[in-house]
Amino acid sequence: MIIRRSAPEDVEFLLAIFDEARRTIATLGIDQWQKGYPSEDIVTSDINAERSYCVISGGEICGTFAIIRDGEPTYDSIYGGEWLTGNGKDHYLAIHRVAISVKSRGSGMSTEIINYAINLAKKSGKKSLRIDTHKGNKVMRRMLEKHGFVHCGTIYLEDGDERVAYEKLL
């Protein structure tokens, strides 16, 4: 597997992976990503800001994720718990918009993504990784816990949707 920054010519492939993820999540009865998120505008913005990544396997894009380096505003307040490293924007990287194509699920791609993010965080002098997901997304929650992420509490997205928040110390 190869991980590289996404490029403008990757947009249609990334959107197709997000569409697959949306359909899978919907079959689980979860409303996460069912309002058109992430949109083409968000994908393009991530690429332009150099925070979008592609996971390549067998010569094709099979996964994607975004890394937020300068703090995630929705992580400023956490409810029913606390972050392992306290509040502050300078000591963590946030992982967002993780999606893996249906045919690549179970291939270890999530481990590659987490390891890549850990290496980026360490090179940047960060103390931790943070991520959030829908409380009903048991597959994602199991994956996070398997990789040493700790459930820290609840955060609320800008639209008011509730998410469970995780952090992994490095």
N, C-alpha and C. Protein backbone atom coordinates (compact mmCIF):
# COMPACT_ATOMS: atom_id res chain seq x y z
N MET A 1 0.84 -1.18 0.00
CA MET A 1 0.00 0.00 0.00
C MET A 1 0.88 1.24 0.00
N ILE A 2 0.41 2.23 -0.71
CA ILE A 2 1.09 3.51 -0.78
C ILE A 2 0.11 4.58 -0.30
N ILE A 3 0.61 5.49 0.51
CA ILE A 3 -0.20 6.63 0.93
C ILE A 3 0.48 7.88 0.39
N ARG A 4 -0.33 8.73 -0.25
CA ARG A 4 0.18 9.98 -0.79
C ARG A 4 -0.87 11.06 -0.63
N ARG A 5 -0.43 12.30 -0.77
CA ARG A 5 -1.40 13.41 -0.75
C ARG A 5 -2.31 13.29 -1.96
N SER A 6 -3.55 13.64 -1.77
CA SER A 6 -4.52 13.63 -2.87
C SER A 6 -4.24 14.81 -3.80
N ALA A 7 -4.60 14.63 -5.06
CA ALA A 7 -4.42 15.66 -6.09
C ALA A 7 -5.78 15.97 -6.72
N PRO A 8 -5.91 17.11 -7.40
CA PRO A 8 -7.19 17.47 -8.01
C PRO A 8 -7.77 16.38 -8.92
N GLU A 9 -6.92 15.65 -9.61
CA GLU A 9 -7.42 14.61 -10.50
C GLU A 9 -7.97 13.39 -9.75
N ASP A 10 -7.85 13.36 -8.42
CA ASP A 10 -8.35 12.26 -7.60
C ASP A 10 -9.80 12.47 -7.15
N VAL A 11 -10.34 13.66 -7.34
CA VAL A 11 -11.65 14.01 -6.76
C VAL A 11 -12.72 12.98 -7.08
N GLU A 12 -12.87 12.59 -8.34
CA GLU A 12 -13.96 11.67 -8.69
C GLU A 12 -13.78 10.31 -8.01
N PHE A 13 -12.54 9.85 -7.84
CA PHE A 13 -12.29 8.58 -7.16
C PHE A 13 -12.63 8.68 -5.68
N LEU A 14 -12.26 9.79 -5.07
CA LEU A 14 -12.56 10.00 -3.65
C LEU A 14 -14.06 10.09 -3.42
N LEU A 15 -14.76 10.81 -4.29
CA LEU A 15 -16.21 10.92 -4.16
C LEU A 15 -16.87 9.55 -4.29
N ALA A 16 -16.36 8.70 -5.17
CA ALA A 16 -16.91 7.35 -5.33
C ALA A 16 -16.71 6.53 -4.06
N ILE A 17 -15.56 6.67 -3.42
CA ILE A 17 -15.31 5.95 -2.17
C ILE A 17 -16.23 6.46 -1.08
N PHE A 18 -16.43 7.78 -1.01
CA PHE A 18 -17.36 8.33 -0.02
C PHE A 18 -18.80 7.87 -0.29
N ASP A 19 -19.19 7.77 -1.55
CA ASP A 19 -20.53 7.26 -1.88
C ASP A 19 -20.71 5.83 -1.38
N GLU A 20 -19.69 4.99 -1.59
CA GLU A 20 -19.75 3.61 -1.08
C GLU A 20 -19.89 3.61 0.44
N ALA A 21 -19.10 4.44 1.09
CA ALA A 21 -19.16 4.52 2.55
C ALA A 21 -20.53 4.98 3.03
N ARG A 22 -21.09 5.97 2.37
CA ARG A 22 -22.44 6.46 2.73
C ARG A 22 -23.47 5.35 2.64
N ARG A 23 -23.40 4.58 1.55
CA ARG A 23 -24.35 3.47 1.37
C ARG A 23 -24.18 2.41 2.46
N THR A 24 -22.95 2.09 2.78
CA THR A 24 -22.69 1.10 3.83
C THR A 24 -23.21 1.59 5.17
N ILE A 25 -22.91 2.82 5.50
CA ILE A 25 -23.36 3.39 6.77
C ILE A 25 -24.88 3.41 6.83
N ALA A 26 -25.52 3.76 5.74
CA ALA A 26 -27.00 3.80 5.70
C ALA A 26 -27.60 2.42 5.97
N THR A 27 -26.97 1.36 5.42
CA THR A 27 -27.51 0.01 5.64
C THR A 27 -27.42 -0.40 7.10
N LEU A 28 -26.54 0.25 7.85
CA LEU A 28 -26.42 -0.03 9.28
C LEU A 28 -27.41 0.79 10.11
N GLY A 29 -28.20 1.62 9.42
CA GLY A 29 -29.19 2.44 10.10
C GLY A 29 -28.59 3.66 10.80
N ILE A 30 -27.43 4.09 10.34
CA ILE A 30 -26.74 5.23 10.95
C ILE A 30 -26.90 6.44 10.03
N ASP A 31 -27.19 7.60 10.61
CA ASP A 31 -27.42 8.79 9.78
C ASP A 31 -26.13 9.57 9.48
N GLN A 32 -24.98 9.06 9.93
CA GLN A 32 -23.71 9.71 9.65
C GLN A 32 -23.48 9.79 8.14
N TRP A 33 -23.06 10.95 7.66
CA TRP A 33 -22.72 11.20 6.26
C TRP A 33 -23.92 11.10 5.31
N GLN A 34 -25.13 11.09 5.81
CA GLN A 34 -26.29 10.92 4.95
C GLN A 34 -26.85 12.24 4.43
N LYS A 35 -26.24 13.35 4.80
CA LYS A 35 -26.71 14.67 4.35
C LYS A 35 -25.78 15.24 3.27
N GLY A 36 -25.16 14.35 2.48
CA GLY A 36 -24.29 14.82 1.40
C GLY A 36 -22.87 15.13 1.82
N TYR A 37 -22.52 14.73 3.02
CA TYR A 37 -21.17 14.96 3.54
C TYR A 37 -20.35 13.69 3.34
N PRO A 38 -19.11 13.82 3.01
CA PRO A 38 -18.39 15.01 2.57
C PRO A 38 -18.71 15.33 1.11
N SER A 39 -18.94 16.58 0.85
CA SER A 39 -19.32 17.06 -0.48
C SER A 39 -18.08 17.23 -1.36
N GLU A 40 -18.33 17.46 -2.64
CA GLU A 40 -17.23 17.72 -3.56
C GLU A 40 -16.46 18.97 -3.13
N ASP A 41 -17.17 19.97 -2.62
CA ASP A 41 -16.50 21.19 -2.14
C ASP A 41 -15.54 20.89 -0.99
N ILE A 42 -15.96 20.03 -0.07
CA ILE A 42 -15.10 19.67 1.07
C ILE A 42 -13.89 18.89 0.58
N VAL A 43 -14.12 17.93 -0.32
CA VAL A 43 -13.02 17.13 -0.86
C VAL A 43 -12.01 18.04 -1.57
N THR A 44 -12.51 18.94 -2.39
CA THR A 44 -11.64 19.87 -3.11
C THR A 44 -10.90 20.78 -2.15
N SER A 45 -11.60 21.27 -1.14
CA SER A 45 -10.97 22.13 -0.13
C SER A 45 -9.86 21.38 0.60
N ASP A 46 -10.13 20.12 0.97
CA ASP A 46 -9.10 19.31 1.63
C ASP A 46 -7.87 19.14 0.75
N ILE A 47 -8.09 18.90 -0.54
CA ILE A 47 -6.96 18.73 -1.46
C ILE A 47 -6.18 20.04 -1.57
N ASN A 48 -6.88 21.14 -1.75
CA ASN A 48 -6.21 22.44 -1.89
C ASN A 48 -5.43 22.83 -0.63
N ALA A 49 -5.93 22.41 0.53
CA ALA A 49 -5.27 22.71 1.80
C ALA A 49 -4.20 21.67 2.15
N GLU A 50 -3.99 20.72 1.26
CA GLU A 50 -2.99 19.65 1.45
C GLU A 50 -3.24 18.84 2.71
N ARG A 51 -4.51 18.55 3.00
CA ARG A 51 -4.83 17.72 4.15
C ARG A 51 -5.53 16.41 3.77
N SER A 52 -5.75 16.19 2.47
CA SER A 52 -6.38 14.97 1.98
C SER A 52 -5.33 13.98 1.51
N TYR A 53 -5.55 12.71 1.85
CA TYR A 53 -4.63 11.65 1.47
C TYR A 53 -5.37 10.52 0.78
N CYS A 54 -4.66 9.85 -0.14
CA CYS A 54 -5.16 8.67 -0.85
C CYS A 54 -4.37 7.46 -0.40
N VAL A 55 -5.06 6.34 -0.28
CA VAL A 55 -4.39 5.08 -0.04
C VAL A 55 -4.50 4.29 -1.34
N ILE A 56 -3.35 3.90 -1.88
CA ILE A 56 -3.28 3.21 -3.17
C ILE A 56 -2.95 1.75 -2.92
N SER A 57 -3.72 0.88 -3.54
CA SER A 57 -3.45 -0.56 -3.47
C SER A 57 -3.76 -1.15 -4.84
N GLY A 58 -2.87 -1.96 -5.35
CA GLY A 58 -3.07 -2.55 -6.67
C GLY A 58 -3.15 -1.50 -7.76
N GLY A 59 -2.49 -0.37 -7.55
CA GLY A 59 -2.47 0.68 -8.56
C GLY A 59 -3.70 1.58 -8.59
N GLU A 60 -4.63 1.39 -7.65
CA GLU A 60 -5.81 2.26 -7.64
C GLU A 60 -6.10 2.81 -6.26
N ILE A 61 -6.83 3.93 -6.23
CA ILE A 61 -7.20 4.56 -4.97
C ILE A 61 -8.29 3.70 -4.31
N CYS A 62 -7.99 3.22 -3.11
CA CYS A 62 -8.92 2.35 -2.39
C CYS A 62 -9.33 2.91 -1.04
N GLY A 63 -8.73 4.03 -0.65
CA GLY A 63 -9.06 4.62 0.63
C GLY A 63 -8.65 6.08 0.66
N THR A 64 -9.21 6.78 1.63
CA THR A 64 -8.90 8.20 1.78
C THR A 64 -9.11 8.62 3.23
N PHE A 65 -8.45 9.70 3.60
CA PHE A 65 -8.61 10.29 4.92
C PHE A 65 -8.05 11.71 4.86
N ALA A 66 -8.39 12.49 5.87
CA ALA A 66 -7.88 13.86 5.99
C ALA A 66 -7.18 14.00 7.33
N ILE A 67 -6.14 14.82 7.34
CA ILE A 67 -5.40 15.14 8.57
C ILE A 67 -5.51 16.64 8.81
N ILE A 68 -6.02 17.01 9.96
CA ILE A 68 -6.14 18.41 10.36
C ILE A 68 -4.99 18.70 11.33
N ARG A 69 -4.14 19.62 10.95
CA ARG A 69 -2.92 19.89 11.72
C ARG A 69 -3.06 21.05 12.71
N ASP A 70 -3.98 21.96 12.44
CA ASP A 70 -4.01 23.20 13.21
C ASP A 70 -5.20 23.30 14.15
N GLY A 71 -5.65 22.18 14.67
CA GLY A 71 -6.75 22.18 15.62
C GLY A 71 -8.09 22.03 14.94
N GLU A 72 -8.96 21.32 15.61
CA GLU A 72 -10.33 21.08 15.13
C GLU A 72 -11.27 21.84 16.06
N PRO A 73 -11.94 22.89 15.54
CA PRO A 73 -12.79 23.72 16.41
C PRO A 73 -13.85 22.94 17.20
N THR A 74 -14.40 21.88 16.61
CA THR A 74 -15.43 21.12 17.34
C THR A 74 -14.84 20.32 18.50
N TYR A 75 -13.51 20.27 18.60
CA TYR A 75 -12.87 19.57 19.71
C TYR A 75 -12.55 20.51 20.87
N ASP A 76 -12.86 21.79 20.71
CA ASP A 76 -12.58 22.76 21.78
C ASP A 76 -13.40 22.49 23.04
N SER A 77 -14.60 21.92 22.85
CA SER A 77 -15.46 21.59 23.99
C SER A 77 -15.80 20.10 23.92
N ILE A 78 -15.62 19.42 25.02
CA ILE A 78 -15.95 17.99 25.11
C ILE A 78 -16.85 17.80 26.33
N TYR A 79 -17.82 16.92 26.21
CA TYR A 79 -18.83 16.73 27.24
C TYR A 79 -18.80 15.29 27.73
N GLY A 80 -19.06 15.11 29.03
CA GLY A 80 -19.11 13.77 29.60
C GLY A 80 -17.75 13.11 29.70
N GLY A 81 -16.71 13.91 29.70
CA GLY A 81 -15.35 13.37 29.79
C GLY A 81 -14.35 14.47 29.53
N GLU A 82 -13.13 14.07 29.21
CA GLU A 82 -12.09 15.06 28.90
C GLU A 82 -11.05 14.43 28.00
N TRP A 83 -10.37 15.28 27.26
CA TRP A 83 -9.29 14.82 26.40
C TRP A 83 -8.13 14.35 27.27
N LEU A 84 -7.41 13.36 26.79
CA LEU A 84 -6.25 12.82 27.52
C LEU A 84 -5.15 13.86 27.66
N THR A 85 -5.04 14.74 26.66
CA THR A 85 -3.97 15.75 26.67
C THR A 85 -4.51 17.15 26.99
N GLY A 86 -5.72 17.24 27.49
CA GLY A 86 -6.30 18.53 27.84
C GLY A 86 -6.71 19.32 26.61
N ASN A 87 -7.20 20.52 26.85
CA ASN A 87 -7.61 21.38 25.74
C ASN A 87 -6.39 22.07 25.15
N GLY A 88 -6.52 22.52 23.95
CA GLY A 88 -5.42 23.18 23.26
C GLY A 88 -5.27 22.61 21.86
N LYS A 89 -4.89 23.44 20.93
CA LYS A 89 -4.84 23.05 19.53
C LYS A 89 -3.48 22.57 19.07
N ASP A 90 -2.45 22.83 19.85
CA ASP A 90 -1.09 22.62 19.38
C ASP A 90 -0.53 21.22 19.61
N HIS A 91 -1.23 20.38 20.36
CA HIS A 91 -0.60 19.11 20.73
C HIS A 91 -1.23 17.87 20.09
N TYR A 92 -2.11 18.03 19.11
CA TYR A 92 -2.70 16.86 18.46
C TYR A 92 -2.90 17.09 16.97
N LEU A 93 -3.00 15.97 16.25
CA LEU A 93 -3.49 15.97 14.87
C LEU A 93 -4.85 15.30 14.91
N ALA A 94 -5.77 15.77 14.09
CA ALA A 94 -7.09 15.15 14.00
C ALA A 94 -7.20 14.39 12.68
N ILE A 95 -7.78 13.21 12.76
CA ILE A 95 -8.05 12.41 11.56
C ILE A 95 -9.54 12.54 11.26
N HIS A 96 -9.85 12.83 10.02
CA HIS A 96 -11.25 12.97 9.60
C HIS A 96 -11.48 12.26 8.27
N ARG A 97 -12.75 12.04 7.98
CA ARG A 97 -13.19 11.56 6.67
C ARG A 97 -12.46 10.30 6.21
N VAL A 98 -12.36 9.33 7.11
CA VAL A 98 -11.75 8.04 6.77
C VAL A 98 -12.78 7.21 6.00
N ALA A 99 -12.39 6.76 4.82
CA ALA A 99 -13.27 5.90 4.01
C ALA A 99 -12.41 4.91 3.23
N ILE A 100 -12.86 3.67 3.21
CA ILE A 100 -12.16 2.61 2.50
C ILE A 100 -13.15 1.95 1.55
N SER A 101 -12.71 1.69 0.32
CA SER A 101 -13.60 1.06 -0.66
C SER A 101 -14.05 -0.30 -0.16
N VAL A 102 -15.23 -0.71 -0.59
CA VAL A 102 -15.81 -1.98 -0.15
C VAL A 102 -14.84 -3.14 -0.41
N LYS A 103 -14.24 -3.16 -1.59
CA LYS A 103 -13.37 -4.30 -1.93
C LYS A 103 -12.08 -4.33 -1.12
N SER A 104 -11.73 -3.23 -0.47
CA SER A 104 -10.49 -3.17 0.31
C SER A 104 -10.70 -3.29 1.81
N ARG A 105 -11.94 -3.37 2.23
CA ARG A 105 -12.18 -3.50 3.67
C ARG A 105 -11.67 -4.85 4.16
N GLY A 106 -11.08 -4.84 5.33
CA GLY A 106 -10.51 -6.05 5.90
C GLY A 106 -9.10 -6.34 5.42
N SER A 107 -8.52 -5.40 4.67
CA SER A 107 -7.18 -5.61 4.10
C SER A 107 -6.06 -5.04 4.96
N GLY A 108 -6.40 -4.46 6.09
CA GLY A 108 -5.38 -3.83 6.92
C GLY A 108 -5.16 -2.36 6.59
N MET A 109 -6.01 -1.82 5.72
CA MET A 109 -5.83 -0.43 5.31
C MET A 109 -6.01 0.54 6.47
N SER A 110 -6.94 0.23 7.38
CA SER A 110 -7.14 1.14 8.52
C SER A 110 -5.87 1.20 9.38
N THR A 111 -5.18 0.09 9.53
CA THR A 111 -3.92 0.08 10.28
C THR A 111 -2.88 0.95 9.59
N GLU A 112 -2.81 0.86 8.27
CA GLU A 112 -1.88 1.70 7.51
C GLU A 112 -2.19 3.18 7.70
N ILE A 113 -3.48 3.52 7.67
CA ILE A 113 -3.89 4.92 7.86
C ILE A 113 -3.50 5.41 9.25
N ILE A 114 -3.80 4.63 10.27
CA ILE A 114 -3.47 5.03 11.65
C ILE A 114 -1.95 5.17 11.80
N ASN A 115 -1.20 4.21 11.29
CA ASN A 115 0.27 4.29 11.40
C ASN A 115 0.83 5.50 10.67
N TYR A 116 0.26 5.81 9.52
CA TYR A 116 0.71 6.99 8.77
C TYR A 116 0.44 8.25 9.59
N ALA A 117 -0.76 8.34 10.18
CA ALA A 117 -1.12 9.51 10.99
C ALA A 117 -0.22 9.61 12.23
N ILE A 118 0.09 8.48 12.84
CA ILE A 118 1.00 8.48 14.00
C ILE A 118 2.35 9.05 13.61
N ASN A 119 2.88 8.59 12.49
CA ASN A 119 4.19 9.08 12.03
C ASN A 119 4.16 10.58 11.74
N LEU A 120 3.09 11.04 11.08
CA LEU A 120 2.96 12.48 10.82
C LEU A 120 2.92 13.27 12.13
N ALA A 121 2.15 12.77 13.08
CA ALA A 121 2.02 13.46 14.36
C ALA A 121 3.36 13.53 15.09
N LYS A 122 4.07 12.42 15.11
CA LYS A 122 5.37 12.39 15.79
C LYS A 122 6.35 13.35 15.12
N LYS A 123 6.38 13.35 13.79
CA LYS A 123 7.28 14.27 13.06
C LYS A 123 6.93 15.72 13.34
N SER A 124 5.65 15.97 13.63
CA SER A 124 5.19 17.33 13.90
C SER A 124 5.30 17.70 15.38
N GLY A 125 5.80 16.78 16.20
CA GLY A 125 5.96 17.05 17.62
C GLY A 125 4.66 17.02 18.40
N LYS A 126 3.66 16.33 17.88
CA LYS A 126 2.36 16.25 18.56
C LYS A 126 2.36 15.15 19.61
N LYS A 127 1.49 15.29 20.59
CA LYS A 127 1.38 14.32 21.68
C LYS A 127 0.33 13.25 21.42
N SER A 128 -0.61 13.53 20.48
CA SER A 128 -1.72 12.59 20.31
C SER A 128 -2.39 12.74 18.96
N LEU A 129 -3.26 11.76 18.70
CA LEU A 129 -4.19 11.80 17.57
C LEU A 129 -5.59 11.85 18.14
N ARG A 130 -6.47 12.60 17.48
CA ARG A 130 -7.88 12.64 17.87
C ARG A 130 -8.74 12.31 16.66
N ILE A 131 -9.90 11.75 16.95
CA ILE A 131 -10.85 11.38 15.90
C ILE A 131 -12.23 11.27 16.55
N ASP A 132 -13.26 11.43 15.74
CA ASP A 132 -14.62 11.25 16.25
C ASP A 132 -15.43 10.43 15.26
N THR A 133 -16.51 9.86 15.73
CA THR A 133 -17.40 9.09 14.86
C THR A 133 -18.80 9.06 15.47
N HIS A 134 -19.74 8.59 14.71
CA HIS A 134 -21.12 8.43 15.17
C HIS A 134 -21.16 7.34 16.24
N LYS A 135 -21.96 7.55 17.29
CA LYS A 135 -22.01 6.56 18.37
C LYS A 135 -22.48 5.19 17.88
N GLY A 136 -23.25 5.14 16.82
CA GLY A 136 -23.73 3.86 16.29
C GLY A 136 -22.78 3.18 15.32
N ASN A 137 -21.67 3.85 14.98
CA ASN A 137 -20.71 3.28 14.02
C ASN A 137 -19.78 2.32 14.77
N LYS A 138 -20.32 1.14 15.07
CA LYS A 138 -19.60 0.17 15.88
C LYS A 138 -18.35 -0.36 15.19
N VAL A 139 -18.39 -0.46 13.87
CA VAL A 139 -17.21 -0.94 13.13
C VAL A 139 -16.05 0.03 13.34
N MET A 140 -16.30 1.31 13.16
CA MET A 140 -15.25 2.32 13.33
C MET A 140 -14.80 2.38 14.79
N ARG A 141 -15.72 2.30 15.71
CA ARG A 141 -15.37 2.36 17.13
C ARG A 141 -14.50 1.17 17.54
N ARG A 142 -14.83 -0.01 17.04
CA ARG A 142 -13.99 -1.19 17.33
C ARG A 142 -12.58 -1.02 16.76
N MET A 143 -12.52 -0.50 15.52
CA MET A 143 -11.22 -0.29 14.89
C MET A 143 -10.39 0.69 15.71
N LEU A 144 -11.00 1.78 16.16
CA LEU A 144 -10.26 2.77 16.94
C LEU A 144 -9.76 2.17 18.25
N GLU A 145 -10.62 1.46 18.95
CA GLU A 145 -10.23 0.86 20.22
C GLU A 145 -9.15 -0.20 20.02
N LYS A 146 -9.23 -0.95 18.93
CA LYS A 146 -8.20 -1.95 18.60
C LYS A 146 -6.83 -1.28 18.42
N HIS A 147 -6.84 -0.04 17.92
CA HIS A 147 -5.59 0.68 17.68
C HIS A 147 -5.19 1.58 18.85
N GLY A 148 -5.80 1.39 20.02
CA GLY A 148 -5.36 2.09 21.21
C GLY A 148 -5.99 3.44 21.46
N PHE A 149 -7.02 3.79 20.70
CA PHE A 149 -7.72 5.04 20.97
C PHE A 149 -8.62 4.86 22.19
N VAL A 150 -8.73 5.91 22.99
CA VAL A 150 -9.53 5.88 24.20
C VAL A 150 -10.74 6.79 24.01
N HIS A 151 -11.92 6.27 24.35
CA HIS A 151 -13.13 7.09 24.30
C HIS A 151 -13.03 8.15 25.39
N CYS A 152 -13.11 9.44 24.98
CA CYS A 152 -12.90 10.55 25.92
C CYS A 152 -14.17 11.31 26.28
N GLY A 153 -15.22 11.19 25.47
CA GLY A 153 -16.45 11.93 25.74
C GLY A 153 -17.20 12.18 24.45
N THR A 154 -18.00 13.23 24.46
CA THR A 154 -18.85 13.57 23.33
C THR A 154 -18.51 14.97 22.83
N ILE A 155 -18.49 15.13 21.52
CA ILE A 155 -18.34 16.47 20.92
C ILE A 155 -19.55 16.69 20.03
N TYR A 156 -19.76 17.94 19.66
CA TYR A 156 -20.86 18.30 18.77
C TYR A 156 -20.31 18.99 17.54
N LEU A 157 -20.74 18.52 16.38
CA LEU A 157 -20.34 19.12 15.12
C LEU A 157 -20.97 20.49 14.96
N GLU A 158 -20.53 21.24 13.99
CA GLU A 158 -21.07 22.59 13.75
C GLU A 158 -22.58 22.56 13.51
N ASP A 159 -23.10 21.48 12.92
CA ASP A 159 -24.54 21.39 12.67
C ASP A 159 -25.31 20.85 13.86
N GLY A 160 -24.61 20.59 14.98
CA GLY A 160 -25.25 20.12 16.20
C GLY A 160 -25.27 18.61 16.35
N ASP A 161 -24.85 17.86 15.32
CA ASP A 161 -24.83 16.40 15.43
C ASP A 161 -23.81 15.97 16.49
N GLU A 162 -24.20 14.97 17.24
CA GLU A 162 -23.37 14.43 18.32
C GLU A 162 -22.41 13.38 17.78
N ARG A 163 -21.18 13.37 18.30
CA ARG A 163 -20.18 12.38 17.93
C ARG A 163 -19.41 11.93 19.17
N VAL A 164 -19.01 10.67 19.18
CA VAL A 164 -18.15 10.17 20.24
C VAL A 164 -16.71 10.52 19.86
N ALA A 165 -15.96 10.96 20.85
CA ALA A 165 -14.62 11.47 20.61
C ALA A 165 -13.58 10.53 21.21
N TYR A 166 -12.52 10.32 20.44
CA TYR A 166 -11.43 9.42 20.85
C TYR A 166 -10.10 10.13 20.74
N GLU A 167 -9.16 9.67 21.58
CA GLU A 167 -7.80 10.19 21.49
C GLU A 167 -6.83 9.04 21.75
N LYS A 168 -5.70 9.11 21.08
CA LYS A 168 -4.62 8.14 21.24
C LYS A 168 -3.35 8.89 21.58
N LEU A 169 -2.77 8.55 22.72
CA LEU A 169 -1.49 9.13 23.10
C LEU A 169 -0.39 8.50 22.27
N LEU A 170 0.62 9.31 21.94
CA LEU A 170 1.74 8.80 21.12
C LEU A 170 2.96 8.52 21.99
